[in-house]
Amino acid sequence: MIDAAVMNSRWNVLPSYDHRTGETGTDRVITPELEDDLRRIFMLLYDHGMNLDYIRPGEKVTSKELFQKEPVARFLQFDK
């Protein structure tokens, strides 16, 4: 569940991120309305079982850690 939400947000909604340079692109803008919508969507997913500590096959870190420098990271900071 986390992969689908994160990947769709990364590729279709949020600014791009260059792992080589560590820079966030200017191709998209995160408006207050978009931030609120995404925060509510991710919180809903989290409340219904999205596992932020999931380790993807072939990875050594959690999904939350894997995307920690990207724009999507601000929506993966939930604690119960």
PDB file of N, CA and C in Angstrom:
ATOM      1  N   MET A   1       0.824  -1.193   0.000  1.00  0.00           N
ATOM      2  CA  MET A   1       0.000   0.000   0.000  1.00  0.00           C
ATOM      3  C   MET A   1       0.869   1.258   0.000  1.00  0.00           C
ATOM      4  N   ILE A   2       1.932   1.256   0.792  1.00  0.00           N
ATOM      5  CA  ILE A   2       2.781   2.454   0.858  1.00  0.00           C
ATOM      6  C   ILE A   2       3.432   2.728  -0.494  1.00  0.00           C
ATOM      7  N   ASP A   3       3.874   1.672  -1.173  1.00  0.00           N
ATOM      8  CA  ASP A   3       4.545   1.883  -2.450  1.00  0.00           C
ATOM      9  C   ASP A   3       3.646   2.569  -3.467  1.00  0.00           C
ATOM     10  N   ALA A   4       2.411   2.134  -3.576  1.00  0.00           N
ATOM     11  CA  ALA A   4       1.502   2.740  -4.552  1.00  0.00           C
ATOM     12  C   ALA A   4       1.254   4.208  -4.229  1.00  0.00           C
ATOM     13  N   ALA A   5       0.990   4.519  -2.975  1.00  0.00           N
ATOM     14  CA  ALA A   5       0.729   5.911  -2.585  1.00  0.00           C
ATOM     15  C   ALA A   5       1.958   6.787  -2.784  1.00  0.00           C
ATOM     16  N   VAL A   6       3.100   6.288  -2.363  1.00  0.00           N
ATOM     17  CA  VAL A   6       4.336   7.063  -2.485  1.00  0.00           C
ATOM     18  C   VAL A   6       4.717   7.246  -3.950  1.00  0.00           C
ATOM     19  N   MET A   7       4.680   6.177  -4.707  1.00  0.00           N
ATOM     20  CA  MET A   7       5.105   6.274  -6.105  1.00  0.00           C
ATOM     21  C   MET A   7       4.171   7.169  -6.917  1.00  0.00           C
ATOM     22  N   ASN A   8       2.883   7.057  -6.706  1.00  0.00           N
ATOM     23  CA  ASN A   8       1.954   7.935  -7.430  1.00  0.00           C
ATOM     24  C   ASN A   8       2.170   9.390  -7.055  1.00  0.00           C
ATOM     25  N   SER A   9       2.394   9.656  -5.782  1.00  0.00           N
ATOM     26  CA  SER A   9       2.655  11.032  -5.348  1.00  0.00           C
ATOM     27  C   SER A   9       3.956  11.547  -5.934  1.00  0.00           C
ATOM     28  N   ARG A  10       4.990  10.714  -5.899  1.00  0.00           N
ATOM     29  CA  ARG A  10       6.306  11.122  -6.409  1.00  0.00           C
ATOM     30  C   ARG A  10       6.255  11.434  -7.903  1.00  0.00           C
ATOM     31  N   TRP A  11       5.612  10.591  -8.684  1.00  0.00           N
ATOM     32  CA  TRP A  11       5.656  10.728 -10.141  1.00  0.00           C
ATOM     33  C   TRP A  11       4.589  11.639 -10.709  1.00  0.00           C
ATOM     34  N   ASN A  12       3.449  11.771 -10.020  1.00  0.00           N
ATOM     35  CA  ASN A  12       2.320  12.478 -10.629  1.00  0.00           C
ATOM     36  C   ASN A  12       1.915  13.775  -9.943  1.00  0.00           C
ATOM     37  N   VAL A  13       2.377  14.023  -8.727  1.00  0.00           N
ATOM     38  CA  VAL A  13       1.857  15.167  -7.982  1.00  0.00           C
ATOM     39  C   VAL A  13       2.961  16.080  -7.446  1.00  0.00           C
ATOM     40  N   LEU A  14       3.967  15.493  -6.843  1.00  0.00           N
ATOM     41  CA  LEU A  14       4.996  16.275  -6.141  1.00  0.00           C
ATOM     42  C   LEU A  14       6.152  16.675  -7.049  1.00  0.00           C
ATOM     43  N   PRO A  15       6.921  17.678  -6.629  1.00  0.00           N
ATOM     44  CA  PRO A  15       8.108  18.057  -7.398  1.00  0.00           C
ATOM     45  C   PRO A  15       9.076  16.886  -7.514  1.00  0.00           C
ATOM     46  N   SER A  16       9.818  16.870  -8.593  1.00  0.00           N
ATOM     47  CA  SER A  16      10.810  15.812  -8.790  1.00  0.00           C
ATOM     48  C   SER A  16      11.952  15.970  -7.784  1.00  0.00           C
ATOM     49  N   TYR A  17      12.726  14.910  -7.642  1.00  0.00           N
ATOM     50  CA  TYR A  17      13.881  14.931  -6.743  1.00  0.00           C
ATOM     51  C   TYR A  17      15.038  14.244  -7.450  1.00  0.00           C
ATOM     52  N   ASP A  18      16.189  14.896  -7.481  1.00  0.00           N
ATOM     53  CA  ASP A  18      17.384  14.345  -8.122  1.00  0.00           C
ATOM     54  C   ASP A  18      18.281  13.749  -7.049  1.00  0.00           C
ATOM     55  N   HIS A  19      18.386  12.424  -7.029  1.00  0.00           N
ATOM     56  CA  HIS A  19      19.205  11.745  -6.013  1.00  0.00           C
ATOM     57  C   HIS A  19      20.699  12.036  -6.175  1.00  0.00           C
ATOM     58  N   ARG A  20      21.117  12.348  -7.374  1.00  0.00           N
ATOM     59  CA  ARG A  20      22.538  12.642  -7.601  1.00  0.00           C
ATOM     60  C   ARG A  20      22.952  13.959  -6.975  1.00  0.00           C
ATOM     61  N   THR A  21      22.081  14.973  -7.094  1.00  0.00           N
ATOM     62  CA  THR A  21      22.431  16.304  -6.592  1.00  0.00           C
ATOM     63  C   THR A  21      21.767  16.636  -5.262  1.00  0.00           C
ATOM     64  N   GLY A  22      20.708  15.877  -4.922  1.00  0.00           N
ATOM     65  CA  GLY A  22      19.972  16.166  -3.698  1.00  0.00           C
ATOM     66  C   GLY A  22      19.050  17.362  -3.830  1.00  0.00           C
ATOM     67  N   GLU A  23      18.763  17.759  -5.063  1.00  0.00           N
ATOM     68  CA  GLU A  23      17.930  18.942  -5.289  1.00  0.00           C
ATOM     69  C   GLU A  23      16.497  18.562  -5.635  1.00  0.00           C
ATOM     70  N   THR A  24      15.580  19.352  -5.105  1.00  0.00           N
ATOM     71  CA  THR A  24      14.166  19.200  -5.428  1.00  0.00           C
ATOM     72  C   THR A  24      13.873  20.065  -6.639  1.00  0.00           C
ATOM     73  N   GLY A  25      13.158  19.493  -7.596  1.00  0.00           N
ATOM     74  CA  GLY A  25      12.849  20.203  -8.828  1.00  0.00           C
ATOM     75  C   GLY A  25      11.841  21.318  -8.632  1.00  0.00           C
ATOM     76  N   THR A  26      11.728  22.129  -9.651  1.00  0.00           N
ATOM     77  CA  THR A  26      10.765  23.239  -9.641  1.00  0.00           C
ATOM     78  C   THR A  26       9.624  22.957 -10.622  1.00  0.00           C
ATOM     79  N   ASP A  27       9.473  21.699 -11.007  1.00  0.00           N
ATOM     80  CA  ASP A  27       8.475  21.339 -11.999  1.00  0.00           C
ATOM     81  C   ASP A  27       7.047  21.336 -11.462  1.00  0.00           C
ATOM     82  N   ARG A  28       6.897  21.279 -10.144  1.00  0.00           N
ATOM     83  CA  ARG A  28       5.569  21.315  -9.528  1.00  0.00           C
ATOM     84  C   ARG A  28       5.658  22.093  -8.231  1.00  0.00           C
ATOM     85  N   VAL A  29       4.535  22.669  -7.829  1.00  0.00           N
ATOM     86  CA  VAL A  29       4.478  23.471  -6.607  1.00  0.00           C
ATOM     87  C   VAL A  29       3.565  22.775  -5.600  1.00  0.00           C
ATOM     88  N   ILE A  30       4.011  22.732  -4.353  1.00  0.00           N
ATOM     89  CA  ILE A  30       3.173  22.178  -3.293  1.00  0.00           C
ATOM     90  C   ILE A  30       2.415  23.348  -2.661  1.00  0.00           C
ATOM     91  N   THR A  31       1.176  23.500  -3.058  1.00  0.00           N
ATOM     92  CA  THR A  31       0.342  24.565  -2.505  1.00  0.00           C
ATOM     93  C   THR A  31      -0.177  24.129  -1.132  1.00  0.00           C
ATOM     94  N   PRO A  32      -0.640  25.069  -0.328  1.00  0.00           N
ATOM     95  CA  PRO A  32      -1.217  24.685   0.967  1.00  0.00           C
ATOM     96  C   PRO A  32      -2.385  23.697   0.805  1.00  0.00           C
ATOM     97  N   GLU A  33      -3.189  23.879  -0.226  1.00  0.00           N
ATOM     98  CA  GLU A  33      -4.312  22.982  -0.461  1.00  0.00           C
ATOM     99  C   GLU A  33      -3.837  21.575  -0.807  1.00  0.00           C
ATOM    100  N   LEU A  34      -2.811  21.480  -1.668  1.00  0.00           N
ATOM    101  CA  LEU A  34      -2.256  20.176  -2.030  1.00  0.00           C
ATOM    102  C   LEU A  34      -1.639  19.502  -0.812  1.00  0.00           C
ATOM    103  N   GLU A  35      -0.893  20.262  -0.032  1.00  0.00           N
ATOM    104  CA  GLU A  35      -0.277  19.698   1.162  1.00  0.00           C
ATOM    105  C   GLU A  35      -1.343  19.164   2.117  1.00  0.00           C
ATOM    106  N   ASP A  36      -2.413  19.920   2.312  1.00  0.00           N
ATOM    107  CA  ASP A  36      -3.492  19.476   3.191  1.00  0.00           C
ATOM    108  C   ASP A  36      -4.148  18.208   2.655  1.00  0.00           C
ATOM    109  N   ASP A  37      -4.422  18.183   1.357  1.00  0.00           N
ATOM    110  CA  ASP A  37      -5.042  16.997   0.749  1.00  0.00           C
ATOM    111  C   ASP A  37      -4.153  15.766   0.900  1.00  0.00           C
ATOM    112  N   LEU A  38      -2.874  15.910   0.567  1.00  0.00           N
ATOM    113  CA  LEU A  38      -1.968  14.764   0.668  1.00  0.00           C
ATOM    114  C   LEU A  38      -1.773  14.318   2.112  1.00  0.00           C
ATOM    115  N   ARG A  39      -1.701  15.257   3.026  1.00  0.00           N
ATOM    116  CA  ARG A  39      -1.552  14.902   4.433  1.00  0.00           C
ATOM    117  C   ARG A  39      -2.764  14.080   4.899  1.00  0.00           C
ATOM    118  N   ARG A  40      -3.962  14.505   4.489  1.00  0.00           N
ATOM    119  CA  ARG A  40      -5.170  13.767   4.868  1.00  0.00           C
ATOM    120  C   ARG A  40      -5.201  12.384   4.218  1.00  0.00           C
ATOM    121  N   ILE A  41      -4.800  12.278   2.957  1.00  0.00           N
ATOM    122  CA  ILE A  41      -4.779  10.992   2.265  1.00  0.00           C
ATOM    123  C   ILE A  41      -3.796  10.043   2.939  1.00  0.00           C
ATOM    124  N   PHE A  42      -2.587  10.511   3.181  1.00  0.00           N
ATOM    125  CA  PHE A  42      -1.591   9.640   3.803  1.00  0.00           C
ATOM    126  C   PHE A  42      -1.982   9.277   5.235  1.00  0.00           C
ATOM    127  N   MET A  43      -2.592  10.199   5.968  1.00  0.00           N
ATOM    128  CA  MET A  43      -3.035   9.895   7.331  1.00  0.00           C
ATOM    129  C   MET A  43      -4.133   8.830   7.294  1.00  0.00           C
ATOM    130  N   LEU A  44      -5.041   8.936   6.339  1.00  0.00           N
ATOM    131  CA  LEU A  44      -6.089   7.939   6.198  1.00  0.00           C
ATOM    132  C   LEU A  44      -5.487   6.562   5.902  1.00  0.00           C
ATOM    133  N   LEU A  45      -4.523   6.526   4.987  1.00  0.00           N
ATOM    134  CA  LEU A  45      -3.850   5.262   4.681  1.00  0.00           C
ATOM    135  C   LEU A  45      -3.130   4.719   5.912  1.00  0.00           C
ATOM    136  N   TYR A  46      -2.464   5.585   6.626  1.00  0.00           N
ATOM    137  CA  TYR A  46      -1.744   5.185   7.840  1.00  0.00           C
ATOM    138  C   TYR A  46      -2.722   4.638   8.886  1.00  0.00           C
ATOM    139  N   ASP A  47      -3.836   5.331   9.072  1.00  0.00           N
ATOM    140  CA  ASP A  47      -4.840   4.893  10.045  1.00  0.00           C
ATOM    141  C   ASP A  47      -5.448   3.541   9.677  1.00  0.00           C
ATOM    142  N   HIS A  48      -5.390   3.196   8.392  1.00  0.00           N
ATOM    143  CA  HIS A  48      -5.956   1.928   7.938  1.00  0.00           C
ATOM    144  C   HIS A  48      -4.889   0.882   7.609  1.00  0.00           C
ATOM    145  N   GLY A  49      -3.707   1.041   8.181  1.00  0.00           N
ATOM    146  CA  GLY A  49      -2.721  -0.031   8.105  1.00  0.00           C
ATOM    147  C   GLY A  49      -1.499   0.178   7.235  1.00  0.00           C
ATOM    148  N   MET A  50      -1.344   1.338   6.626  1.00  0.00           N
ATOM    149  CA  MET A  50      -0.128   1.569   5.848  1.00  0.00           C
ATOM    150  C   MET A  50       1.083   1.425   6.775  1.00  0.00           C
ATOM    151  N   ASN A  51       2.023   0.610   6.390  1.00  0.00           N
ATOM    152  CA  ASN A  51       3.176   0.307   7.227  1.00  0.00           C
ATOM    153  C   ASN A  51       4.384   1.115   6.771  1.00  0.00           C
ATOM    154  N   LEU A  52       4.749   2.126   7.536  1.00  0.00           N
ATOM    155  CA  LEU A  52       5.892   2.973   7.189  1.00  0.00           C
ATOM    156  C   LEU A  52       7.223   2.277   7.444  1.00  0.00           C
ATOM    157  N   ASP A  53       7.182   1.149   8.139  1.00  0.00           N
ATOM    158  CA  ASP A  53       8.399   0.391   8.421  1.00  0.00           C
ATOM    159  C   ASP A  53       8.582  -0.780   7.463  1.00  0.00           C
ATOM    160  N   TYR A  54       7.805  -0.804   6.403  1.00  0.00           N
ATOM    161  CA  TYR A  54       7.904  -1.843   5.378  1.00  0.00           C
ATOM    162  C   TYR A  54       9.261  -1.741   4.678  1.00  0.00           C
ATOM    163  N   ILE A  55       9.887  -2.881   4.461  1.00  0.00           N
ATOM    164  CA  ILE A  55      11.145  -2.923   3.705  1.00  0.00           C
ATOM    165  C   ILE A  55      10.853  -3.584   2.370  1.00  0.00           C
ATOM    166  N   ARG A  56      11.027  -2.821   1.309  1.00  0.00           N
ATOM    167  CA  ARG A  56      10.755  -3.313  -0.037  1.00  0.00           C
ATOM    168  C   ARG A  56      11.732  -4.426  -0.395  1.00  0.00           C
ATOM    169  N   PRO A  57      11.281  -5.400  -1.214  1.00  0.00           N
ATOM    170  CA  PRO A  57      12.194  -6.457  -1.665  1.00  0.00           C
ATOM    171  C   PRO A  57      13.423  -5.847  -2.341  1.00  0.00           C
ATOM    172  N   GLY A  58      14.578  -6.305  -1.954  1.00  0.00           N
ATOM    173  CA  GLY A  58      15.826  -5.808  -2.527  1.00  0.00           C
ATOM    174  C   GLY A  58      16.408  -4.593  -1.824  1.00  0.00           C
ATOM    175  N   GLU A  59      15.679  -4.036  -0.872  1.00  0.00           N
ATOM    176  CA  GLU A  59      16.157  -2.869  -0.125  1.00  0.00           C
ATOM    177  C   GLU A  59      16.608  -3.298   1.259  1.00  0.00           C
ATOM    178  N   LYS A  60      17.377  -2.445   1.916  1.00  0.00           N
ATOM    179  CA  LYS A  60      17.859  -2.737   3.264  1.00  0.00           C
ATOM    180  C   LYS A  60      17.286  -1.762   4.296  1.00  0.00           C
ATOM    181  N   VAL A  61      16.513  -0.790   3.841  1.00  0.00           N
ATOM    182  CA  VAL A  61      15.929   0.209   4.739  1.00  0.00           C
ATOM    183  C   VAL A  61      14.420   0.257   4.533  1.00  0.00           C
ATOM    184  N   THR A  62      13.735   0.844   5.489  1.00  0.00           N
ATOM    185  CA  THR A  62      12.284   0.979   5.369  1.00  0.00           C
ATOM    186  C   THR A  62      11.932   1.959   4.259  1.00  0.00           C
ATOM    187  N   SER A  63      10.686   1.878   3.824  1.00  0.00           N
ATOM    188  CA  SER A  63      10.221   2.830   2.807  1.00  0.00           C
ATOM    189  C   SER A  63      10.336   4.256   3.324  1.00  0.00           C
ATOM    190  N   LYS A  64      10.039   4.458   4.588  1.00  0.00           N
ATOM    191  CA  LYS A  64      10.135   5.795   5.195  1.00  0.00           C
ATOM    192  C   LYS A  64      11.574   6.321   5.102  1.00  0.00           C
ATOM    193  N   GLU A  65      12.547   5.458   5.379  1.00  0.00           N
ATOM    194  CA  GLU A  65      13.954   5.864   5.297  1.00  0.00           C
ATOM    195  C   GLU A  65      14.403   6.047   3.854  1.00  0.00           C
ATOM    196  N   LEU A  66      13.906   5.196   2.973  1.00  0.00           N
ATOM    197  CA  LEU A  66      14.303   5.250   1.566  1.00  0.00           C
ATOM    198  C   LEU A  66      13.941   6.589   0.921  1.00  0.00           C
ATOM    199  N   PHE A  67      12.798   7.138   1.310  1.00  0.00           N
ATOM    200  CA  PHE A  67      12.313   8.379   0.697  1.00  0.00           C
ATOM    201  C   PHE A  67      12.505   9.598   1.591  1.00  0.00           C
ATOM    202  N   GLN A  68      13.331   9.501   2.616  1.00  0.00           N
ATOM    203  CA  GLN A  68      13.441  10.545   3.638  1.00  0.00           C
ATOM    204  C   GLN A  68      13.898  11.908   3.121  1.00  0.00           C
ATOM    205  N   LYS A  69      14.584  11.974   2.007  1.00  0.00           N
ATOM    206  CA  LYS A  69      15.071  13.252   1.495  1.00  0.00           C
ATOM    207  C   LYS A  69      14.163  13.842   0.413  1.00  0.00           C
ATOM    208  N   GLU A  70      13.193  13.074  -0.021  1.00  0.00           N
ATOM    209  CA  GLU A  70      12.325  13.504  -1.106  1.00  0.00           C
ATOM    210  C   GLU A  70      11.132  14.316  -0.592  1.00  0.00           C
ATOM    211  N   PRO A  71      10.475  15.070  -1.477  1.00  0.00           N
ATOM    212  CA  PRO A  71       9.315  15.852  -1.066  1.00  0.00           C
ATOM    213  C   PRO A  71       8.218  15.016  -0.401  1.00  0.00           C
ATOM    214  N   VAL A  72       8.092  13.756  -0.780  1.00  0.00           N
ATOM    215  CA  VAL A  72       7.051  12.897  -0.208  1.00  0.00           C
ATOM    216  C   VAL A  72       7.300  12.597   1.271  1.00  0.00           C
ATOM    217  N   ALA A  73       8.502  12.793   1.747  1.00  0.00           N
ATOM    218  CA  ALA A  73       8.846  12.465   3.141  1.00  0.00           C
ATOM    219  C   ALA A  73       7.994  13.223   4.149  1.00  0.00           C
ATOM    220  N   ARG A  74       7.588  14.426   3.820  1.00  0.00           N
ATOM    221  CA  ARG A  74       6.781  15.212   4.768  1.00  0.00           C
ATOM    222  C   ARG A  74       5.438  14.559   5.047  1.00  0.00           C
ATOM    223  N   PHE A  75       5.032  13.609   4.201  1.00  0.00           N
ATOM    224  CA  PHE A  75       3.761  12.923   4.397  1.00  0.00           C
ATOM    225  C   PHE A  75       3.937  11.539   5.001  1.00  0.00           C
ATOM    226  N   LEU A  76       5.168  11.214   5.383  1.00  0.00           N
ATOM    227  CA  LEU A  76       5.470   9.893   5.964  1.00  0.00           C
ATOM    228  C   LEU A  76       5.970  10.038   7.395  1.00  0.00           C
ATOM    229  N   GLN A  77       5.531  11.030   8.081  1.00  0.00           N
ATOM    230  CA  GLN A  77       6.033  11.327   9.429  1.00  0.00           C
ATOM    231  C   GLN A  77       4.984  11.101  10.510  1.00  0.00           C
ATOM    232  N   PHE A  78       4.188  10.054  10.390  1.00  0.00           N
ATOM    233  CA  PHE A  78       3.115   9.812  11.354  1.00  0.00           C
ATOM    234  C   PHE A  78       3.574   8.860  12.442  1.00  0.00           C
ATOM    235  N   ASP A  79       3.146   9.116  13.652  1.00  0.00           N
ATOM    236  CA  ASP A  79       3.441   8.245  14.785  1.00  0.00           C
ATOM    237  C   ASP A  79       2.143   7.948  15.506  1.00  0.00           C
ATOM    238  N   LYS A  80       1.989   6.700  15.883  1.00  0.00           N
ATOM    239  CA  LYS A  80       0.797   6.327  16.664  1.00  0.00           C
ATOM    240  C   LYS A  80       1.186   6.158  18.088  1.00  0.00           C
TER     241      LYS A  80
END
